[in-house]
């Protein structure tokens, strides 16, 4: 199951903004970049209603896995965790999150991946 459209980030201006104005949280397997939301950027995508809520983008490089199937599976695992553990109560936080997975052979160990994802979510105060 993919993230709902009201939780996804899109557009090169959005990602440029996140890269320039974010706080980084590093882990062994991934990095989080968290920035205050700037809804004006998303107006060209006609995303006005919920543009001030938490939005997420998960980027997985080809260096992680050459196979798109593996990258998509990893992305779906992280999105599934977000959907099951993220409460609507927390969705008022006006932040944008970019998750970058570091390269390495960790796709096999789903538990380590989810454990670090959860730890970084708590560390960045996106969930409590």
N, C-alpha and C. Protein backbone atom coordinates (compact mmCIF):
# COMPACT_ATOMS: atom_id res chain seq x y z
N UNK A 1 0.84 -1.18 0.00
CA UNK A 1 0.00 0.00 0.00
C UNK A 1 0.89 1.24 0.00
N UNK A 2 0.64 2.14 -0.88
CA UNK A 2 1.44 3.37 -1.00
C UNK A 2 0.90 4.45 -0.07
N UNK A 3 1.72 5.45 0.14
CA UNK A 3 1.29 6.60 0.93
C UNK A 3 0.16 7.32 0.21
N UNK A 4 -0.80 7.85 0.95
CA UNK A 4 -1.84 8.65 0.30
C UNK A 4 -1.25 9.90 -0.34
N UNK A 5 -1.93 10.41 -1.35
CA UNK A 5 -1.42 11.57 -2.07
C UNK A 5 -1.23 12.78 -1.17
N UNK A 6 -2.00 12.89 -0.11
CA UNK A 6 -1.87 14.05 0.76
C UNK A 6 -0.67 13.95 1.70
N UNK A 7 0.09 12.84 1.63
CA UNK A 7 1.28 12.70 2.46
C UNK A 7 2.56 12.68 1.62
N UNK A 8 2.46 12.68 0.30
CA UNK A 8 3.64 12.59 -0.56
C UNK A 8 4.18 13.96 -0.93
N UNK A 9 5.49 14.00 -1.14
CA UNK A 9 6.15 15.21 -1.62
C UNK A 9 6.40 15.06 -3.11
N UNK A 10 6.33 16.17 -3.83
CA UNK A 10 6.62 16.12 -5.25
C UNK A 10 7.18 17.45 -5.71
N UNK A 11 7.92 17.42 -6.80
CA UNK A 11 8.44 18.64 -7.40
C UNK A 11 9.88 18.93 -7.02
N UNK A 12 10.66 19.36 -8.00
CA UNK A 12 12.08 19.63 -7.76
C UNK A 12 12.28 20.82 -6.82
N UNK A 13 11.38 21.81 -6.85
CA UNK A 13 11.52 22.94 -5.94
C UNK A 13 11.35 22.51 -4.48
N UNK A 14 10.49 21.54 -4.26
CA UNK A 14 10.28 21.02 -2.91
C UNK A 14 11.55 20.37 -2.40
N UNK A 15 12.18 19.54 -3.23
CA UNK A 15 13.38 18.85 -2.80
C UNK A 15 14.56 19.80 -2.65
N UNK A 16 14.66 20.80 -3.51
CA UNK A 16 15.71 21.81 -3.34
C UNK A 16 15.54 22.54 -2.02
N UNK A 17 14.30 22.87 -1.67
CA UNK A 17 14.02 23.55 -0.41
C UNK A 17 14.43 22.67 0.77
N UNK A 18 14.10 21.39 0.71
CA UNK A 18 14.44 20.47 1.81
C UNK A 18 15.95 20.35 1.96
N UNK A 19 16.66 20.20 0.85
CA UNK A 19 18.12 20.06 0.92
C UNK A 19 18.77 21.30 1.53
N UNK A 20 18.24 22.48 1.26
CA UNK A 20 18.85 23.71 1.76
C UNK A 20 18.44 24.05 3.19
N UNK A 21 17.23 23.70 3.59
CA UNK A 21 16.67 24.18 4.86
C UNK A 21 16.34 23.08 5.86
N UNK A 22 17.02 21.96 5.80
CA UNK A 22 16.63 20.85 6.66
C UNK A 22 17.62 20.60 7.79
N UNK A 23 17.14 19.86 8.76
CA UNK A 23 17.97 19.34 9.84
C UNK A 23 18.18 17.87 9.53
N UNK A 24 19.44 17.41 9.61
CA UNK A 24 19.77 16.03 9.26
C UNK A 24 19.80 15.15 10.50
N UNK A 25 19.29 13.95 10.36
CA UNK A 25 19.39 12.91 11.38
C UNK A 25 19.99 11.70 10.69
N UNK A 26 21.18 11.27 11.14
CA UNK A 26 21.89 10.19 10.49
C UNK A 26 21.75 8.89 11.25
N UNK A 27 21.63 7.82 10.50
CA UNK A 27 21.65 6.48 11.04
C UNK A 27 22.63 5.65 10.21
N UNK A 28 22.77 4.39 10.56
CA UNK A 28 23.68 3.52 9.81
C UNK A 28 23.13 3.20 8.43
N UNK A 29 21.82 3.08 8.32
CA UNK A 29 21.21 2.63 7.07
C UNK A 29 20.54 3.74 6.28
N UNK A 30 20.22 4.86 6.95
CA UNK A 30 19.48 5.92 6.27
C UNK A 30 19.73 7.26 6.92
N UNK A 31 19.37 8.32 6.20
CA UNK A 31 19.41 9.66 6.75
C UNK A 31 18.03 10.29 6.59
N UNK A 32 17.67 11.08 7.56
CA UNK A 32 16.42 11.84 7.51
C UNK A 32 16.79 13.31 7.31
N UNK A 33 16.06 13.99 6.46
CA UNK A 33 16.15 15.43 6.35
C UNK A 33 14.76 15.97 6.65
N UNK A 34 14.68 16.76 7.71
CA UNK A 34 13.40 17.29 8.16
C UNK A 34 13.43 18.81 8.03
N UNK A 35 12.44 19.35 7.34
CA UNK A 35 12.34 20.80 7.15
C UNK A 35 10.92 21.26 7.47
N UNK A 36 10.81 22.50 7.91
CA UNK A 36 9.48 23.09 8.11
C UNK A 36 8.78 23.13 6.76
N UNK A 37 7.50 22.86 6.76
CA UNK A 37 6.78 22.87 5.48
C UNK A 37 6.67 24.29 4.94
N UNK A 38 6.61 24.37 3.64
CA UNK A 38 6.43 25.66 2.96
C UNK A 38 5.37 25.42 1.88
N UNK A 39 4.10 25.51 2.26
CA UNK A 39 3.00 25.15 1.35
C UNK A 39 2.97 25.93 0.05
N UNK A 40 3.57 27.13 0.02
CA UNK A 40 3.55 27.92 -1.21
C UNK A 40 4.21 27.18 -2.37
N UNK A 41 5.18 26.34 -2.07
CA UNK A 41 5.88 25.60 -3.11
C UNK A 41 4.94 24.62 -3.80
N UNK A 42 4.00 24.06 -3.04
CA UNK A 42 3.12 23.03 -3.58
C UNK A 42 1.89 23.59 -4.30
N UNK A 43 1.71 24.90 -4.33
CA UNK A 43 0.53 25.47 -4.97
C UNK A 43 0.44 25.10 -6.45
N UNK A 44 1.57 24.98 -7.12
CA UNK A 44 1.54 24.62 -8.54
C UNK A 44 1.06 23.19 -8.75
N UNK A 45 1.12 22.37 -7.70
CA UNK A 45 0.62 21.00 -7.79
C UNK A 45 -0.82 20.88 -7.30
N UNK A 46 -1.44 22.02 -7.01
CA UNK A 46 -2.83 22.08 -6.56
C UNK A 46 -3.06 21.24 -5.29
N UNK A 47 -2.12 21.35 -4.35
CA UNK A 47 -2.22 20.63 -3.09
C UNK A 47 -2.40 21.64 -1.96
N UNK A 48 -3.55 22.26 -1.90
CA UNK A 48 -3.78 23.34 -0.93
C UNK A 48 -4.34 22.84 0.39
N UNK A 49 -5.22 21.88 0.35
CA UNK A 49 -6.01 21.50 1.52
C UNK A 49 -5.14 21.01 2.68
N UNK A 50 -4.27 20.06 2.41
CA UNK A 50 -3.49 19.47 3.49
C UNK A 50 -2.00 19.74 3.33
N UNK A 51 -1.66 20.82 2.68
CA UNK A 51 -0.25 21.07 2.41
C UNK A 51 0.55 21.44 3.64
N UNK A 52 -0.12 21.71 4.76
CA UNK A 52 0.59 22.08 5.97
C UNK A 52 0.81 20.88 6.89
N UNK A 53 0.36 19.70 6.52
CA UNK A 53 0.57 18.50 7.32
C UNK A 53 1.92 17.88 7.00
N UNK A 54 2.24 16.82 7.72
CA UNK A 54 3.47 16.08 7.46
C UNK A 54 3.41 15.45 6.08
N UNK A 55 4.49 15.62 5.33
CA UNK A 55 4.63 15.00 4.01
C UNK A 55 5.95 14.27 3.96
N UNK A 56 5.97 13.15 3.24
CA UNK A 56 7.13 12.26 3.25
C UNK A 56 7.54 11.89 1.84
N UNK A 57 8.86 11.80 1.62
CA UNK A 57 9.41 11.26 0.38
C UNK A 57 10.49 10.25 0.78
N UNK A 58 10.47 9.09 0.14
CA UNK A 58 11.46 8.06 0.41
C UNK A 58 12.27 7.86 -0.86
N UNK A 59 13.57 8.18 -0.78
CA UNK A 59 14.45 8.08 -1.94
C UNK A 59 15.41 6.92 -1.73
N UNK A 60 15.44 6.03 -2.70
CA UNK A 60 16.33 4.87 -2.63
C UNK A 60 17.17 4.86 -3.90
N UNK A 61 18.46 4.98 -3.73
CA UNK A 61 19.38 5.07 -4.85
C UNK A 61 19.59 3.70 -5.51
N UNK A 62 20.05 3.72 -6.74
CA UNK A 62 20.42 2.48 -7.42
C UNK A 62 21.63 1.84 -6.78
N UNK A 63 22.37 2.62 -5.99
CA UNK A 63 23.52 2.05 -5.28
C UNK A 63 23.07 1.09 -4.19
N UNK A 64 21.84 1.26 -3.71
CA UNK A 64 21.30 0.35 -2.70
C UNK A 64 21.03 -1.00 -3.33
N UNK A 65 20.36 -0.99 -4.46
CA UNK A 65 20.07 -2.21 -5.20
C UNK A 65 19.86 -1.85 -6.66
N UNK A 66 20.44 -2.62 -7.54
CA UNK A 66 20.28 -2.35 -8.97
C UNK A 66 18.88 -2.69 -9.44
N UNK A 67 18.20 -3.57 -8.73
CA UNK A 67 16.87 -4.03 -9.14
C UNK A 67 15.79 -3.10 -8.60
N UNK A 68 14.97 -2.60 -9.49
CA UNK A 68 13.86 -1.72 -9.08
C UNK A 68 12.88 -2.47 -8.20
N UNK A 69 12.74 -3.77 -8.41
CA UNK A 69 11.83 -4.57 -7.59
C UNK A 69 12.24 -4.50 -6.12
N UNK A 70 13.54 -4.63 -5.86
CA UNK A 70 14.02 -4.58 -4.48
C UNK A 70 13.86 -3.19 -3.88
N UNK A 71 14.16 -2.16 -4.67
CA UNK A 71 13.99 -0.79 -4.17
C UNK A 71 12.53 -0.49 -3.86
N UNK A 72 11.64 -0.91 -4.73
CA UNK A 72 10.21 -0.67 -4.49
C UNK A 72 9.71 -1.45 -3.29
N UNK A 73 10.21 -2.66 -3.10
CA UNK A 73 9.80 -3.46 -1.95
C UNK A 73 10.22 -2.77 -0.66
N UNK A 74 11.45 -2.26 -0.64
CA UNK A 74 11.95 -1.55 0.54
C UNK A 74 11.12 -0.30 0.80
N UNK A 75 10.79 0.44 -0.26
CA UNK A 75 9.97 1.64 -0.13
C UNK A 75 8.59 1.30 0.43
N UNK A 76 8.01 0.22 -0.06
CA UNK A 76 6.68 -0.20 0.43
C UNK A 76 6.72 -0.62 1.89
N UNK A 77 7.81 -1.25 2.31
CA UNK A 77 7.95 -1.65 3.71
C UNK A 77 7.94 -0.42 4.62
N UNK A 78 8.70 0.60 4.23
CA UNK A 78 8.75 1.83 5.04
C UNK A 78 7.42 2.57 5.01
N UNK A 79 6.78 2.61 3.85
CA UNK A 79 5.48 3.28 3.75
C UNK A 79 4.43 2.55 4.57
N UNK A 80 4.48 1.23 4.58
CA UNK A 80 3.53 0.44 5.37
C UNK A 80 3.70 0.73 6.86
N UNK A 81 4.96 0.85 7.30
CA UNK A 81 5.21 1.17 8.70
C UNK A 81 4.63 2.53 9.04
N UNK A 82 4.85 3.49 8.15
CA UNK A 82 4.31 4.84 8.38
C UNK A 82 2.79 4.82 8.50
N UNK A 83 2.14 4.12 7.59
CA UNK A 83 0.68 4.09 7.59
C UNK A 83 0.10 3.40 8.82
N UNK A 84 0.78 2.36 9.30
CA UNK A 84 0.24 1.64 10.45
C UNK A 84 0.57 2.32 11.77
N UNK A 85 1.71 3.01 11.86
CA UNK A 85 2.14 3.58 13.14
C UNK A 85 1.95 5.08 13.26
N UNK A 86 1.64 5.73 12.18
CA UNK A 86 1.48 7.17 12.23
C UNK A 86 0.02 7.50 12.48
N UNK A 87 -0.23 8.14 13.60
CA UNK A 87 -1.61 8.48 13.97
C UNK A 87 -2.01 9.80 13.34
N UNK A 88 -3.27 9.94 13.06
CA UNK A 88 -3.79 11.19 12.50
C UNK A 88 -3.55 12.37 13.44
N UNK A 89 -3.46 12.08 14.74
CA UNK A 89 -3.22 13.13 15.72
C UNK A 89 -1.89 13.83 15.45
N UNK A 90 -0.88 13.06 15.07
CA UNK A 90 0.44 13.61 14.82
C UNK A 90 0.54 14.31 13.47
N UNK A 91 -0.48 14.18 12.64
CA UNK A 91 -0.39 14.68 11.27
C UNK A 91 -0.54 16.19 11.17
N UNK A 92 -0.70 16.87 12.30
CA UNK A 92 -0.78 18.32 12.26
C UNK A 92 0.60 18.96 12.19
N UNK A 93 1.64 18.17 12.34
CA UNK A 93 3.00 18.73 12.35
C UNK A 93 3.36 19.26 10.97
N UNK A 94 3.71 20.50 10.89
CA UNK A 94 4.00 21.11 9.58
C UNK A 94 5.45 20.86 9.15
N UNK A 95 5.78 19.60 8.90
CA UNK A 95 7.13 19.25 8.49
C UNK A 95 7.10 18.43 7.21
N UNK A 96 8.22 18.52 6.50
CA UNK A 96 8.44 17.68 5.33
C UNK A 96 9.64 16.80 5.64
N UNK A 97 9.53 15.53 5.32
CA UNK A 97 10.56 14.54 5.62
C UNK A 97 11.05 13.90 4.34
N UNK A 98 12.36 13.88 4.16
CA UNK A 98 13.00 13.19 3.06
C UNK A 98 13.86 12.09 3.66
N UNK A 99 13.56 10.85 3.29
CA UNK A 99 14.31 9.69 3.78
C UNK A 99 15.22 9.23 2.65
N UNK A 100 16.54 9.24 2.88
CA UNK A 100 17.52 8.75 1.92
C UNK A 100 18.15 7.49 2.48
N UNK A 101 18.03 6.40 1.75
CA UNK A 101 18.67 5.18 2.18
C UNK A 101 20.11 5.15 1.71
N UNK A 102 21.00 4.76 2.62
CA UNK A 102 22.41 4.66 2.28
C UNK A 102 22.64 3.34 1.56
N UNK A 103 23.69 3.30 0.74
CA UNK A 103 23.93 2.08 0.00
C UNK A 103 24.53 1.01 0.89
N UNK A 104 24.25 -0.22 0.52
CA UNK A 104 24.70 -1.38 1.27
C UNK A 104 23.70 -2.51 1.10
N UNK A 105 24.06 -3.67 1.57
CA UNK A 105 23.20 -4.84 1.39
C UNK A 105 22.40 -5.08 2.67
N UNK A 106 21.34 -4.29 2.85
CA UNK A 106 20.52 -4.44 4.05
C UNK A 106 19.08 -4.78 3.71
N UNK A 107 18.75 -4.87 2.45
CA UNK A 107 17.37 -5.12 2.05
C UNK A 107 16.85 -6.46 2.58
N UNK A 108 17.77 -7.36 2.86
CA UNK A 108 17.38 -8.68 3.34
C UNK A 108 16.88 -8.63 4.79
N UNK A 109 17.44 -7.71 5.58
CA UNK A 109 17.08 -7.63 6.99
C UNK A 109 16.05 -6.54 7.22
N UNK A 110 14.81 -6.92 7.10
CA UNK A 110 13.70 -5.99 7.24
C UNK A 110 13.59 -5.43 8.65
N UNK A 111 13.90 -6.25 9.65
CA UNK A 111 13.77 -5.82 11.04
C UNK A 111 14.74 -4.70 11.39
N UNK A 112 16.01 -4.82 10.93
CA UNK A 112 16.99 -3.76 11.19
C UNK A 112 16.57 -2.46 10.52
N UNK A 113 16.06 -2.59 9.31
CA UNK A 113 15.62 -1.42 8.56
C UNK A 113 14.49 -0.70 9.29
N UNK A 114 13.48 -1.46 9.71
CA UNK A 114 12.33 -0.86 10.40
C UNK A 114 12.71 -0.32 11.78
N UNK A 115 13.63 -1.00 12.45
CA UNK A 115 14.06 -0.53 13.77
C UNK A 115 14.76 0.83 13.65
N UNK A 116 15.64 0.96 12.68
CA UNK A 116 16.32 2.25 12.52
C UNK A 116 15.35 3.33 12.05
N UNK A 117 14.43 2.98 11.17
CA UNK A 117 13.42 3.93 10.71
C UNK A 117 12.63 4.46 11.90
N UNK A 118 12.20 3.57 12.76
CA UNK A 118 11.44 3.96 13.95
C UNK A 118 12.28 4.83 14.88
N UNK A 119 13.54 4.44 15.10
CA UNK A 119 14.41 5.23 15.98
C UNK A 119 14.61 6.64 15.45
N UNK A 120 14.80 6.78 14.14
CA UNK A 120 14.99 8.11 13.57
C UNK A 120 13.69 8.93 13.60
N UNK A 121 12.56 8.27 13.49
CA UNK A 121 11.27 8.98 13.61
C UNK A 121 11.12 9.56 15.01
N UNK A 122 11.50 8.78 16.04
CA UNK A 122 11.43 9.28 17.40
C UNK A 122 12.49 10.37 17.65
N UNK A 123 13.70 10.15 17.14
CA UNK A 123 14.79 11.10 17.32
C UNK A 123 14.46 12.45 16.71
N UNK A 124 13.78 12.45 15.57
CA UNK A 124 13.43 13.70 14.90
C UNK A 124 12.13 14.31 15.44
N UNK A 125 11.53 13.68 16.45
CA UNK A 125 10.29 14.15 17.08
C UNK A 125 9.11 14.22 16.14
N UNK A 126 9.09 13.42 15.11
CA UNK A 126 7.95 13.39 14.21
C UNK A 126 6.82 12.53 14.78
N UNK A 127 7.19 11.57 15.61
CA UNK A 127 6.18 10.80 16.35
C UNK A 127 6.65 10.71 17.80
N UNK A 128 5.70 10.45 18.66
CA UNK A 128 6.02 10.35 20.11
C UNK A 128 5.55 9.04 20.65
